[in-house]
Amino acid sequence: MGSSGKQTSEFSWKLEDHPKLPKGKQIAVVVLDGWGEAKPNEYNCIHTAETPKMDSLKNGAPDLWRLVKAHGKAVGLPSDDDMGNSEVGHNALGAGRIFAQGAKLVDTALATGKIYEEPGFKYIQESFQTGTLHLIGLLSDGGVHSRLDQLQLLLKGLSERGVKKVRVHILTDGRDVLDGSSVGFVETLEHDLSQLRNKGIDARIASGGGRMHVTMDRYENDWNVVKRGWDAQVLGEAPYKFTDALEAVKKLRSEQQPKPNDQYLPAFVIVDENGKPVGPIVDGDAVVTLNYRADRMVMLAKALEYENFDKFDRVRYPKIRYAGMLEYDGELKLPSHYLVSPPEIERTSGEYLVKNGIRTFACSETVKFGHVTFFWNGNRSGYFNPELEKYVEIPSDSGITFNEQPKMKALEIAEKARDAILSGNFDQVRVNLPNSDMVGHTGDIEATVVACKAADQAVKLILDAIEQVGGIYVVTADHGNAEDMVKRDKAGKPLLDKNGNIQILTSHTLEPVPIAIGGPGLSPGVRFRNDVPNGGLANVAATVINLHGFVAPSDYETTLIEVVDK
C-alpha cells in the first residue's frame, strides 16, 4: 500500500545522505500524549506536577527546545478553532506532510463519488429496500461541525442509488452562524426534499431541536441533551408536535423567552394528520450522523452503537445499520462503520526509514498503541518489513477509569524502550506515553498531576538509556490537554457553574506542544532554525529523518533543524 501513489518511473525509496549529519546514531522518539504548553497556573497540571526531566529540557539550551502547532490547519483540520487530536496528530508526525482531515475529506469523497464505493455506504445501503434511512446532524452552513451543501449532495447521491424512504432529524445551529438562520436552512432543505418526493422518494424532516439542548452535548457533560434527541429521533416523542418543520422552527422561536435562540430550540417531532410521528427509528432502518467534527457526535454514536449502555434509559434499542460521516474516535473505533475513510497517506517517514535500513521499535499501551504504529504509519496496519521492525503493545488497565491508576503503564513502556535501546538492535525507538491525555480526559486534576509526574519519570528512564549509548532524543507531543483543565470565558478567566464551582475542561486544547532534541549523539552545531516560526507536527518527520543522517523527501514539510559550523 505504501509503495503506490505519487510515483513516476524515477521514483526511489533511497534517501540522500545528509551533507552534515552522520548515520548510525540511535534515536529515541518520545510522544507525550496530551502535553501542551500554557501559562502556569493551578489548572495547568503539567506546571503543578513535579516534572524535573521535562523542565530540564525546557530550561536547557534555548536552541534545542521550541513549540510547534498541533491543532487546526497545521494538522489538516478545517480551521484553527479545531483542537488537535491523537489521530491527526500522529498522522502528521509520521507522514511529514499535512493531509486533509474532517470536512475537506468529506468534500473530496462527495465530489469524486468515492463515498458511494466505500464499505460504510454499502453497509447502510442494505437497508434501502425495506427500511428508512435516517440522517441526523447540524443543519447549518457554519462549516465547523457540518455543512448544508454536503447534506444536499448526499441527498442527491442517495436518490440516484436506490433509497426509497429518507427521514432527516435536524439540529438547529445559531452558534457558528447567525441566530435565526435556521429558518432559511429549513426552507432550503424542505425544497430539496420536495424534489426527492417528486421523484417518488418518501423524504421528510422527522424531528428537530437546538444543538445545545438536543443531541450535541460533548465530553459527557450532560447526557440529558442526548436523551432528548433520542426520545425525538428514535422514540418519536417530544414536548412539541407539528405537522410541518418550518412552522415548528418559526413557532418555537417566537415563543422562546426571553428571546429566540436557535441553539436552544426545544425538541419537536413531525407528526402526520393522525398525530403519529412520521419518522421514529425502528428495527431494520439505517442511520447516518452527518457531522464530520467528532466532539459533539461521540455521545450519540455510543447510544446508537453500544448494546450495553447505562447513561440513560433508551426504552427501545433498535437493530439498525449505523454509520458516521467519519470515524469519530480512533481509540474506541467508534463508530465501527463510517462513510468516509481516513486519508490514504503514502510514503510515510516510517516506511522511508525502514526501506533505508533503519531498524525500528515502537511501543505503547493499548489505548495509544495504534497511534504510535497504525496512525504514525499513515493509517496502515502491520509492519513494512518484519525483519527490521518490532511493535510491542502493553495491555492497558481495564475495568477502571484512568484517574484510578494515573501512572498507567508509563514505567512499563519506558522499560521496554530502555531495553530496546540498550540491546543495540534498533536505530529508532518510538513510544507514546498516554498519561497526560487519558487521565486529563477524566477531569480529575489531582490524578492528572500524578499522571504528568509519571510521564516525566518515564521520559527520564528513556533519556538515561540514550545517554548510555551515545544516542539522540526527540521529545514532543501530539496535542494539548493536561496543561489547561478549566473552561474559560473569552477573557481567559475560569468559568464557574451555578454553585460557584469551576467548570472542569476534559477536552484537548488549542495550545502548541513542545519539541526538544539533544543527547550525546547530537552533532555539535545542530540547533532549531528560527525561520520556521509556524512549524507544526508535520515538520517533525523531516527533522527525525535528518537526525538519522538523511535528507527528507522534497515534498515533506521542512525540517526544524539546521547545522551551523562550530
Protein backbone atom coordinates (compact mmCIF):
# COMPACT_ATOMS: atom_id res chain seq x y z
CA MET A 1 0.00 0.00 0.00
CA GLY A 2 2.78 2.40 0.94
CA SER A 3 4.65 1.94 -2.27
CA SER A 4 1.96 3.07 -4.69
CA GLY A 5 0.79 6.63 -5.13
CA LYS A 6 2.60 9.71 -6.38
CA GLN A 7 5.34 7.90 -8.15
CA THR A 8 6.94 8.30 -11.53
CA SER A 9 9.30 5.85 -13.15
CA GLU A 10 12.20 7.70 -11.49
CA PHE A 11 10.80 7.24 -8.00
CA SER A 12 13.21 5.77 -5.49
CA TRP A 13 12.82 4.94 -1.81
CA LYS A 14 16.51 5.72 -1.32
CA LEU A 15 17.05 8.81 0.81
CA GLU A 16 20.05 11.02 0.07
CA ASP A 17 22.77 11.22 2.68
CA HIS A 18 22.65 14.36 4.80
CA PRO A 19 25.65 16.55 3.91
CA LYS A 20 26.50 17.32 7.55
CA LEU A 21 24.82 14.76 9.83
CA PRO A 22 26.19 11.26 10.38
CA LYS A 23 24.27 7.99 10.19
CA GLY A 24 24.24 5.31 12.82
CA LYS A 25 23.04 7.21 15.90
CA GLN A 26 20.31 5.55 17.96
CA ILE A 27 17.31 7.84 18.24
CA ALA A 28 14.51 7.80 20.80
CA VAL A 29 11.30 9.49 19.65
CA VAL A 30 9.05 10.12 22.65
CA VAL A 31 5.48 11.40 22.20
CA LEU A 32 3.81 12.71 25.35
CA ASP A 33 0.09 12.43 24.66
CA GLY A 34 -1.97 15.48 25.62
CA TRP A 35 1.04 17.56 26.79
CA GLY A 36 0.66 21.18 25.66
CA GLU A 37 2.31 24.42 26.72
CA ALA A 38 0.19 27.02 28.53
CA LYS A 39 0.54 29.72 31.17
CA PRO A 40 1.48 28.40 34.59
CA ASN A 41 -1.49 28.34 36.97
CA GLU A 42 -3.26 25.97 39.34
CA TYR A 43 -5.25 24.38 36.47
CA ASN A 44 -2.08 23.61 34.48
CA CYS A 45 -1.33 20.09 35.73
CA ILE A 46 1.96 19.93 33.82
CA HIS A 47 3.10 23.06 35.64
CA THR A 48 1.81 21.87 39.04
CA ALA A 49 3.30 18.38 38.73
CA GLU A 50 6.90 17.57 39.58
CA THR A 51 8.40 17.18 36.11
CA PRO A 52 12.15 17.71 36.58
CA LYS A 53 13.17 15.97 33.35
CA MET A 54 10.83 17.93 31.08
CA ASP A 55 11.73 21.12 32.98
CA SER A 56 15.42 20.47 32.34
CA LEU A 57 14.75 20.13 28.59
CA LYS A 58 12.76 23.37 28.54
CA ASN A 59 15.34 25.26 30.58
CA GLY A 60 18.39 23.77 28.83
CA ALA A 61 19.92 25.01 25.59
CA PRO A 62 17.44 27.56 24.19
CA ASP A 63 18.04 26.50 20.60
CA LEU A 64 17.23 22.82 21.34
CA TRP A 65 13.66 23.38 22.65
CA ARG A 66 10.74 25.08 20.92
CA LEU A 67 6.98 24.95 20.41
CA VAL A 68 5.11 23.59 17.40
CA LYS A 69 1.46 23.82 16.36
CA ALA A 70 -0.68 20.75 16.94
CA HIS A 71 -4.20 21.89 16.04
CA GLY A 72 -6.28 23.28 13.21
CA LYS A 73 -4.76 23.76 9.79
CA ALA A 74 -1.33 22.55 10.98
CA VAL A 75 -2.78 19.03 11.22
CA GLY A 76 -5.16 19.23 8.25
CA LEU A 77 -8.31 20.29 10.11
CA PRO A 78 -10.57 22.90 8.51
CA SER A 79 -9.94 25.84 10.85
CA ASP A 80 -7.69 26.96 13.66
CA ASP A 81 -10.68 26.73 16.01
CA ASP A 82 -10.40 22.94 15.70
CA MET A 83 -8.46 21.36 18.55
CA GLY A 84 -6.00 18.68 17.60
CA ASN A 85 -6.48 15.02 18.42
CA SER A 86 -4.31 11.93 18.67
CA GLU A 87 -5.24 10.50 15.30
CA VAL A 88 -4.49 13.57 13.16
CA GLY A 89 -1.52 14.40 15.39
CA HIS A 90 0.18 11.06 14.82
CA ASN A 91 -0.75 11.15 11.11
CA ALA A 92 1.14 14.46 10.84
CA LEU A 93 4.10 13.33 12.98
CA GLY A 94 4.62 10.21 10.90
CA ALA A 95 3.68 11.47 7.45
CA GLY A 96 5.77 14.65 7.38
CA ARG A 97 3.05 16.36 5.35
CA ILE A 98 -0.38 17.80 6.09
CA PHE A 99 -3.29 15.74 4.80
CA ALA A 100 -6.91 16.84 4.62
CA GLN A 101 -8.90 15.67 7.62
CA GLY A 102 -12.53 16.30 8.54
CA ALA A 103 -14.57 18.49 6.18
CA LYS A 104 -12.03 18.51 3.34
CA LEU A 105 -12.01 14.73 3.31
CA VAL A 106 -15.82 14.59 3.05
CA ASP A 107 -15.83 17.23 0.28
CA THR A 108 -13.43 15.15 -1.81
CA ALA A 109 -15.34 11.91 -1.23
CA LEU A 110 -18.61 13.55 -2.30
CA ALA A 111 -17.09 15.35 -5.31
CA THR A 112 -15.48 12.20 -6.69
CA GLY A 113 -18.33 9.87 -5.75
CA LYS A 114 -15.83 7.76 -3.79
CA ILE A 115 -18.15 7.95 -0.76
CA TYR A 116 -20.59 5.60 -2.54
CA GLU A 117 -17.91 2.97 -3.15
CA GLU A 118 -16.78 2.78 0.47
CA PRO A 119 -17.77 -0.13 2.74
CA GLY A 120 -19.72 2.25 5.01
CA PHE A 121 -22.14 3.26 2.27
CA LYS A 122 -22.54 -0.33 1.08
CA TYR A 123 -23.38 -1.28 4.68
CA ILE A 124 -26.23 1.23 5.08
CA GLN A 125 -27.42 0.60 1.52
CA GLU A 126 -28.54 -2.86 2.59
CA SER A 127 -31.44 -1.20 4.44
CA PHE A 128 -32.68 0.87 1.47
CA GLN A 129 -35.16 -1.67 0.05
CA THR A 130 -37.15 -2.35 3.19
CA GLY A 131 -36.10 0.25 5.74
CA THR A 132 -35.86 4.02 6.23
CA LEU A 133 -32.59 5.95 6.03
CA HIS A 134 -32.33 8.48 8.86
CA LEU A 135 -29.90 11.41 8.61
CA ILE A 136 -29.09 13.18 11.89
CA GLY A 137 -26.95 16.30 12.04
CA LEU A 138 -26.43 20.02 12.42
CA LEU A 139 -28.40 21.93 9.76
CA SER A 140 -26.04 24.81 9.05
CA ASP A 141 -23.51 26.21 6.62
CA GLY A 142 -21.23 27.18 9.52
CA GLY A 143 -18.62 24.64 8.47
CA VAL A 144 -17.46 23.84 11.99
CA HIS A 145 -19.40 20.61 12.56
CA SER A 146 -21.23 20.10 9.27
CA ARG A 147 -22.26 21.86 6.07
CA LEU A 148 -25.64 22.08 4.42
CA ASP A 149 -24.17 21.65 0.93
CA GLN A 150 -22.72 18.28 1.94
CA LEU A 151 -26.19 17.13 3.05
CA GLN A 152 -27.63 18.38 -0.26
CA LEU A 153 -25.02 16.48 -2.30
CA LEU A 154 -25.55 13.36 -0.19
CA LEU A 155 -29.34 13.50 -0.69
CA LYS A 156 -28.81 13.78 -4.45
CA GLY A 157 -26.41 10.84 -4.44
CA LEU A 158 -28.77 8.75 -2.31
CA SER A 159 -31.67 9.46 -4.66
CA GLU A 160 -29.60 8.01 -7.50
CA ARG A 161 -28.66 4.87 -5.55
CA GLY A 162 -31.90 3.24 -4.60
CA VAL A 163 -33.01 4.94 -1.39
CA LYS A 164 -36.81 4.79 -1.01
CA LYS A 165 -37.51 6.48 2.30
CA VAL A 166 -35.47 9.22 3.99
CA ARG A 167 -36.05 10.97 7.30
CA VAL A 168 -33.92 13.94 8.34
CA HIS A 169 -33.54 14.78 12.03
CA ILE A 170 -32.35 18.38 12.14
CA LEU A 171 -30.37 20.21 14.82
CA THR A 172 -30.54 23.99 14.56
CA ASP A 173 -27.34 26.00 14.95
CA GLY A 174 -27.22 29.71 15.87
CA ARG A 175 -23.75 29.26 17.35
CA ASP A 176 -21.44 29.01 14.33
CA VAL A 177 -23.89 31.04 12.19
CA LEU A 178 -26.28 33.91 12.85
CA ASP A 179 -29.18 33.22 15.16
CA GLY A 180 -32.39 32.91 13.15
CA SER A 181 -30.66 31.45 10.10
CA SER A 182 -32.33 28.11 10.94
CA VAL A 183 -35.49 29.27 9.14
CA GLY A 184 -33.69 29.70 5.81
CA PHE A 185 -31.82 26.39 6.20
CA VAL A 186 -35.10 24.55 6.83
CA GLU A 187 -36.64 26.20 3.75
CA THR A 188 -33.68 25.07 1.62
CA LEU A 189 -33.86 21.51 2.95
CA GLU A 190 -37.64 21.32 2.51
CA HIS A 191 -37.22 22.43 -1.12
CA ASP A 192 -34.69 19.65 -1.76
CA LEU A 193 -36.86 17.05 -0.04
CA SER A 194 -39.88 18.08 -2.13
CA GLN A 195 -37.79 17.48 -5.26
CA LEU A 196 -37.00 13.97 -3.98
CA ARG A 197 -40.71 13.39 -3.37
CA ASN A 198 -41.36 14.38 -6.99
CA LYS A 199 -39.02 11.54 -7.95
CA GLY A 200 -41.09 9.11 -5.88
CA ILE A 201 -38.82 9.06 -2.83
CA ASP A 202 -40.60 9.41 0.52
CA ALA A 203 -38.38 12.13 2.03
CA ARG A 204 -39.28 14.34 5.01
CA ILE A 205 -37.97 16.05 8.10
CA ALA A 206 -38.91 13.88 11.12
CA SER A 207 -37.69 15.74 14.19
CA GLY A 208 -35.59 18.64 15.39
CA GLY A 209 -34.24 20.77 18.19
CA GLY A 210 -31.48 23.22 19.05
CA ARG A 211 -27.93 21.88 19.14
CA MET A 212 -27.20 22.88 22.75
CA HIS A 213 -30.48 21.41 24.02
CA VAL A 214 -30.83 18.34 21.81
CA THR A 215 -28.21 15.66 20.91
CA MET A 216 -24.99 17.67 20.54
CA ASP A 217 -23.52 17.54 24.03
CA ARG A 218 -19.84 16.72 24.35
CA TYR A 219 -17.35 15.20 26.84
CA GLU A 220 -20.24 13.54 28.70
CA ASN A 221 -21.22 16.87 30.16
CA ASP A 222 -24.99 16.24 30.21
CA TRP A 223 -26.47 13.00 28.90
CA ASN A 224 -29.97 14.54 29.16
CA VAL A 225 -29.13 16.50 25.99
CA VAL A 226 -28.56 13.25 24.12
CA LYS A 227 -31.64 11.67 25.72
CA ARG A 228 -33.90 14.49 24.48
CA GLY A 229 -32.61 13.79 20.99
CA TRP A 230 -33.02 10.02 21.39
CA ASP A 231 -36.61 10.42 22.54
CA ALA A 232 -37.47 12.52 19.48
CA GLN A 233 -35.38 10.68 16.87
CA VAL A 234 -35.81 7.07 17.99
CA LEU A 235 -38.99 7.01 20.06
CA GLY A 236 -40.86 9.77 18.20
CA GLU A 237 -41.60 11.54 21.49
CA ALA A 238 -41.04 15.24 22.23
CA PRO A 239 -42.80 18.04 24.14
CA TYR A 240 -43.84 19.70 20.85
CA LYS A 241 -45.53 18.11 17.85
CA PHE A 242 -46.02 19.78 14.47
CA THR A 243 -47.08 18.65 11.01
CA ASP A 244 -44.52 20.94 9.36
CA ALA A 245 -40.88 21.59 10.26
CA LEU A 246 -40.80 25.18 9.02
CA GLU A 247 -43.80 26.01 11.15
CA ALA A 248 -42.14 24.21 14.09
CA VAL A 249 -38.96 26.30 13.94
CA LYS A 250 -40.79 29.61 13.41
CA LYS A 251 -43.35 28.98 16.17
CA LEU A 252 -40.86 27.66 18.73
CA ARG A 253 -38.58 30.64 18.07
CA SER A 254 -41.48 33.06 18.51
CA GLU A 255 -42.38 31.51 21.85
CA GLN A 256 -38.87 31.40 23.33
CA GLN A 257 -38.18 33.56 26.38
CA PRO A 258 -36.57 35.99 26.90
CA LYS A 259 -35.57 35.97 23.21
CA PRO A 260 -35.43 33.47 20.32
CA ASN A 261 -32.35 31.26 20.16
CA ASP A 262 -31.67 28.58 17.55
CA GLN A 263 -29.14 26.86 19.83
CA TYR A 264 -31.72 26.10 22.49
CA LEU A 265 -34.85 25.27 20.48
CA PRO A 266 -36.83 22.60 22.38
CA ALA A 267 -37.16 19.15 20.85
CA PHE A 268 -40.01 18.60 18.42
CA VAL A 269 -41.33 15.76 16.27
CA ILE A 270 -43.20 15.95 12.99
CA VAL A 271 -46.48 14.01 13.00
CA ASP A 272 -49.00 13.05 10.33
CA GLU A 273 -52.68 14.11 10.27
CA ASN A 274 -53.44 11.38 12.83
CA GLY A 275 -50.84 12.71 15.25
CA LYS A 276 -48.47 9.80 14.58
CA PRO A 277 -44.72 10.58 14.32
CA VAL A 278 -43.54 10.36 10.71
CA GLY A 279 -40.05 9.07 11.35
CA PRO A 280 -39.11 7.19 14.52
CA ILE A 281 -36.04 4.95 14.09
CA VAL A 282 -37.07 1.28 14.13
CA ASP A 283 -35.57 -2.17 13.54
CA GLY A 284 -34.24 -2.59 10.01
CA ASP A 285 -33.57 1.12 9.45
CA ALA A 286 -30.22 2.75 8.67
CA VAL A 287 -28.84 5.84 10.43
CA VAL A 288 -26.11 8.24 9.36
CA THR A 289 -24.80 11.00 11.64
CA LEU A 290 -23.88 13.82 9.26
CA ASN A 291 -21.40 15.85 11.33
CA TYR A 292 -17.75 15.45 10.37
CA ARG A 293 -16.46 17.01 13.57
CA ALA A 294 -16.33 14.35 16.24
CA ASP A 295 -16.66 16.01 19.62
CA ARG A 296 -20.44 16.55 19.59
CA MET A 297 -21.30 13.26 17.87
CA VAL A 298 -19.45 10.76 20.07
CA MET A 299 -22.16 10.55 22.75
CA LEU A 300 -24.95 9.89 20.24
CA ALA A 301 -22.69 7.38 18.47
CA LYS A 302 -22.31 5.46 21.75
CA ALA A 303 -26.08 5.43 22.27
CA LEU A 304 -26.67 4.18 18.72
CA GLU A 305 -23.87 1.61 18.69
CA TYR A 306 -23.39 0.15 22.16
CA GLU A 307 -25.61 -2.74 23.18
CA ASN A 308 -24.53 -2.32 26.80
CA PHE A 309 -25.32 1.27 27.64
CA ASP A 310 -26.27 2.81 31.00
CA LYS A 311 -26.13 6.59 30.51
CA PHE A 312 -29.92 6.92 30.17
CA ASP A 313 -32.87 4.60 29.60
CA ARG A 314 -33.14 4.17 25.84
CA VAL A 315 -36.53 2.41 26.28
CA ARG A 316 -36.04 0.82 22.88
CA TYR A 317 -32.72 -0.12 21.26
CA PRO A 318 -33.50 -0.63 17.56
CA LYS A 319 -31.50 -3.09 15.46
CA ILE A 320 -30.15 -0.69 12.84
CA ARG A 321 -27.25 -0.20 10.46
CA TYR A 322 -25.42 2.86 11.77
CA ALA A 323 -22.57 4.75 10.12
CA GLY A 324 -20.90 8.04 11.00
CA MET A 325 -19.85 10.51 8.34
CA LEU A 326 -16.32 9.78 9.63
CA GLU A 327 -14.83 7.63 12.37
CA TYR A 328 -15.27 9.86 15.42
CA ASP A 329 -12.89 8.17 17.85
CA GLY A 330 -9.87 6.22 16.68
CA GLU A 331 -9.18 4.84 20.16
CA LEU A 332 -12.71 3.50 20.67
CA LYS A 333 -13.07 2.65 16.96
CA LEU A 334 -16.38 4.48 17.12
CA PRO A 335 -18.50 4.18 15.11
CA SER A 336 -17.43 0.86 13.63
CA HIS A 337 -18.87 1.91 10.22
CA TYR A 338 -18.32 5.29 8.54
CA LEU A 339 -18.98 6.76 5.09
CA VAL A 340 -15.57 8.40 4.59
CA SER A 341 -12.35 6.60 5.46
CA PRO A 342 -9.34 8.35 7.00
CA PRO A 343 -6.92 9.83 4.45
CA GLU A 344 -4.75 7.45 2.48
CA ILE A 345 -1.26 8.52 3.36
CA GLU A 346 1.59 7.24 1.23
CA ARG A 347 5.36 7.37 1.72
CA THR A 348 5.40 7.96 5.47
CA SER A 349 8.67 8.60 7.29
CA GLY A 350 8.42 5.17 8.91
CA GLU A 351 8.33 3.43 5.54
CA TYR A 352 11.16 5.53 4.10
CA LEU A 353 13.38 4.86 7.12
CA VAL A 354 12.76 1.10 7.14
CA LYS A 355 13.48 0.98 3.38
CA ASN A 356 16.77 2.74 4.16
CA GLY A 357 17.73 0.14 6.71
CA ILE A 358 16.58 1.87 9.90
CA ARG A 359 15.64 -0.83 12.43
CA THR A 360 12.57 0.41 14.27
CA PHE A 361 10.99 -0.39 17.64
CA ALA A 362 7.60 1.10 18.61
CA CYS A 363 5.76 0.68 21.88
CA SER A 364 2.82 1.98 23.89
CA GLU A 365 -0.02 0.59 25.93
CA THR A 366 -3.30 -0.46 24.33
CA VAL A 367 -5.05 2.95 24.34
CA LYS A 368 -2.27 4.58 22.27
CA PHE A 369 -0.54 1.60 20.65
CA GLY A 370 -2.45 2.21 17.42
CA HIS A 371 -1.29 5.82 17.39
CA VAL A 372 2.41 5.07 17.53
CA THR A 373 2.03 2.37 14.84
CA PHE A 374 -1.14 2.49 12.65
CA PHE A 375 -1.71 6.27 12.64
CA TRP A 376 2.03 7.04 12.57
CA ASN A 377 2.34 4.83 9.51
CA GLY A 378 -0.40 6.64 7.58
CA ASN A 379 -3.45 4.62 8.72
CA ARG A 380 -1.77 1.39 7.73
CA SER A 381 -1.73 -1.85 9.74
CA GLY A 382 1.24 -4.13 10.23
CA TYR A 383 4.93 -3.93 9.52
CA PHE A 384 6.67 -2.53 6.45
CA ASN A 385 9.42 -5.11 6.99
CA PRO A 386 9.03 -7.54 9.89
CA GLU A 387 12.74 -8.31 9.81
CA LEU A 388 13.61 -4.70 10.69
CA GLU A 389 10.67 -3.75 12.93
CA LYS A 390 9.22 -4.73 16.28
CA TYR A 391 6.00 -3.28 17.73
CA VAL A 392 5.13 -4.00 21.36
CA GLU A 393 1.70 -3.41 22.92
CA ILE A 394 1.40 -3.37 26.71
CA PRO A 395 -2.19 -4.11 27.82
CA SER A 396 -3.86 -1.04 29.38
CA ASP A 397 -5.69 -1.33 32.69
CA SER A 398 -9.26 -2.35 32.03
CA GLY A 399 -12.41 -2.10 34.12
CA ILE A 400 -11.31 1.18 35.74
CA THR A 401 -11.20 4.84 34.80
CA PHE A 402 -7.66 6.06 34.28
CA ASN A 403 -7.74 8.51 37.20
CA GLU A 404 -7.88 5.47 39.49
CA GLN A 405 -4.45 4.35 38.20
CA PRO A 406 -2.96 7.60 36.81
CA LYS A 407 0.54 6.15 36.44
CA MET A 408 -0.98 3.84 33.81
CA LYS A 409 1.77 1.80 32.08
CA ALA A 410 4.28 4.64 31.70
CA LEU A 411 7.01 2.79 33.61
CA GLU A 412 6.50 -0.43 31.65
CA ILE A 413 6.59 1.43 28.32
CA ALA A 414 9.79 3.21 29.38
CA GLU A 415 11.41 -0.06 30.49
CA LYS A 416 10.62 -1.69 27.14
CA ALA A 417 12.09 1.34 25.36
CA ARG A 418 15.19 1.33 27.58
CA ASP A 419 15.76 -2.39 26.92
CA ALA A 420 15.31 -1.86 23.16
CA ILE A 421 17.85 1.00 23.22
CA LEU A 422 20.41 -0.88 25.31
CA SER A 423 20.04 -4.03 23.16
CA GLY A 424 21.62 -2.19 20.23
CA ASN A 425 19.17 -3.94 17.91
CA PHE A 426 17.30 -0.80 16.88
CA ASP A 427 18.15 2.53 15.27
CA GLN A 428 14.84 4.20 16.22
CA VAL A 429 12.87 3.55 19.40
CA ARG A 430 9.48 5.27 19.34
CA VAL A 431 6.98 5.42 22.19
CA ASN A 432 3.77 7.14 23.21
CA LEU A 433 3.22 7.95 26.90
CA PRO A 434 -0.59 8.33 27.26
CA ASN A 435 -0.88 9.60 30.85
CA SER A 436 -1.44 13.33 30.48
CA ASP A 437 -4.14 12.76 27.84
CA MET A 438 -6.07 9.78 29.18
CA VAL A 439 -6.10 11.00 32.79
CA GLY A 440 -6.68 14.59 31.64
CA HIS A 441 -9.88 13.40 29.94
CA THR A 442 -11.27 12.25 33.30
CA GLY A 443 -11.23 15.85 34.59
CA ASP A 444 -9.58 14.72 37.83
CA ILE A 445 -6.99 17.42 38.48
CA GLU A 446 -5.14 15.65 41.32
CA ALA A 447 -4.88 12.43 39.35
CA THR A 448 -3.70 14.33 36.25
CA VAL A 449 -0.86 15.85 38.29
CA VAL A 450 0.18 12.32 39.29
CA ALA A 451 -0.10 11.27 35.64
CA CYS A 452 2.21 14.06 34.44
CA LYS A 453 4.81 13.18 37.06
CA ALA A 454 4.70 9.52 35.96
CA ALA A 455 5.16 10.50 32.31
CA ASP A 456 8.14 12.68 33.25
CA GLN A 457 9.77 9.80 35.12
CA ALA A 458 9.29 7.62 32.05
CA VAL A 459 10.98 10.25 29.85
CA LYS A 460 13.95 10.26 32.25
CA LEU A 461 14.33 6.49 32.08
CA ILE A 462 14.37 6.56 28.26
CA LEU A 463 16.75 9.54 28.01
CA ASP A 464 19.12 7.95 30.53
CA ALA A 465 19.38 4.94 28.20
CA ILE A 466 20.06 7.25 25.23
CA GLU A 467 22.82 8.88 27.31
CA GLN A 468 24.37 5.44 27.90
CA VAL A 469 24.52 4.51 24.21
CA GLY A 470 25.59 7.93 22.91
CA GLY A 471 22.28 8.45 21.11
CA ILE A 472 19.89 11.28 20.30
CA TYR A 473 16.44 12.04 21.69
CA VAL A 474 13.43 13.83 20.22
CA VAL A 475 10.72 14.52 22.79
CA THR A 476 7.44 16.02 21.63
CA ALA A 477 3.65 15.72 21.97
CA ASP A 478 0.60 15.25 19.74
CA HIS A 479 -1.81 17.90 21.13
CA GLY A 480 -2.64 19.69 24.37
CA ASN A 481 -4.83 18.55 27.26
CA ALA A 482 -3.35 18.43 30.78
CA GLU A 483 -1.93 21.98 30.61
CA ASP A 484 -5.41 23.50 31.00
CA MET A 485 -8.13 21.74 32.96
CA VAL A 486 -10.69 24.54 33.30
CA LYS A 487 -13.25 26.05 30.93
CA ARG A 488 -12.61 29.74 30.34
CA ASP A 489 -14.52 32.80 29.20
CA LYS A 490 -13.40 34.92 26.24
CA ALA A 491 -11.11 36.91 28.53
CA GLY A 492 -9.45 33.70 29.72
CA LYS A 493 -10.96 33.70 33.22
CA PRO A 494 -12.17 30.34 34.64
CA LEU A 495 -15.90 29.74 34.20
CA LEU A 496 -17.97 28.85 37.26
CA ASP A 497 -21.12 26.75 37.42
CA LYS A 498 -24.28 27.94 39.19
CA ASN A 499 -22.91 26.69 42.53
CA GLY A 500 -19.74 28.73 42.14
CA ASN A 501 -17.50 25.74 41.37
CA ILE A 502 -15.06 25.85 38.48
CA GLN A 503 -16.17 24.13 35.29
CA ILE A 504 -13.67 21.39 34.53
CA LEU A 505 -12.34 21.09 30.97
CA THR A 506 -11.87 17.45 29.96
CA SER A 507 -11.08 18.06 26.30
CA HIS A 508 -8.00 18.64 24.21
CA THR A 509 -6.90 22.25 23.74
CA LEU A 510 -5.63 24.62 21.04
CA GLU A 511 -2.24 25.04 22.72
CA PRO A 512 1.09 24.38 20.99
CA VAL A 513 3.28 21.49 22.11
CA PRO A 514 6.99 21.32 22.90
CA ILE A 515 9.70 19.59 20.91
CA ALA A 516 13.13 19.06 22.44
CA ILE A 517 16.20 17.46 20.87
CA GLY A 518 19.51 16.51 22.41
CA GLY A 519 21.68 13.67 23.65
CA PRO A 520 25.38 12.89 23.40
CA GLY A 521 25.00 11.75 19.78
CA LEU A 522 23.68 15.10 18.58
CA SER A 523 26.26 16.70 16.32
CA PRO A 524 27.74 20.00 17.52
CA GLY A 525 26.15 22.88 15.67
CA VAL A 526 22.66 21.33 15.41
CA ARG A 527 20.00 23.78 16.52
CA PHE A 528 16.42 24.74 15.76
CA ARG A 529 16.10 27.13 12.84
CA ASN A 530 14.49 30.48 13.57
CA ASP A 531 12.94 30.79 10.10
CA VAL A 532 10.13 28.23 10.64
CA PRO A 533 8.09 30.16 13.21
CA ASN A 534 4.83 28.44 12.26
CA GLY A 535 6.26 24.95 12.40
CA GLY A 536 3.81 22.18 13.29
CA LEU A 537 3.76 18.48 13.96
CA ALA A 538 4.26 17.70 10.27
CA ASN A 539 7.73 19.31 10.44
CA VAL A 540 8.91 16.71 12.95
CA ALA A 541 9.29 13.87 10.41
CA ALA A 542 11.90 15.65 8.28
CA THR A 543 13.70 16.62 11.49
CA VAL A 544 13.91 12.98 12.63
CA ILE A 545 14.98 11.81 9.15
CA ASN A 546 17.84 14.37 9.27
CA LEU A 547 18.95 13.13 12.68
CA HIS A 548 19.18 9.61 11.19
CA GLY A 549 21.66 11.08 8.67
CA PHE A 550 19.37 11.51 5.66
CA VAL A 551 17.80 14.34 3.68
CA ALA A 552 14.00 14.23 3.86
CA PRO A 553 11.87 13.77 0.70
CA SER A 554 11.46 17.07 -1.14
CA ASP A 555 7.69 17.30 -0.63
CA TYR A 556 7.88 16.87 3.15
CA GLU A 557 7.24 19.86 5.40
CA THR A 558 10.61 21.44 6.04
CA THR A 559 12.95 20.30 8.80
CA LEU A 560 13.07 22.27 12.05
CA ILE A 561 16.85 21.98 12.41
CA GLU A 562 19.98 23.37 10.81
CA VAL A 563 23.66 22.66 11.32
CA VAL A 564 25.90 25.65 11.93
CA ASP A 565 29.66 25.24 11.73
CA LYS A 566 31.16 25.48 15.17
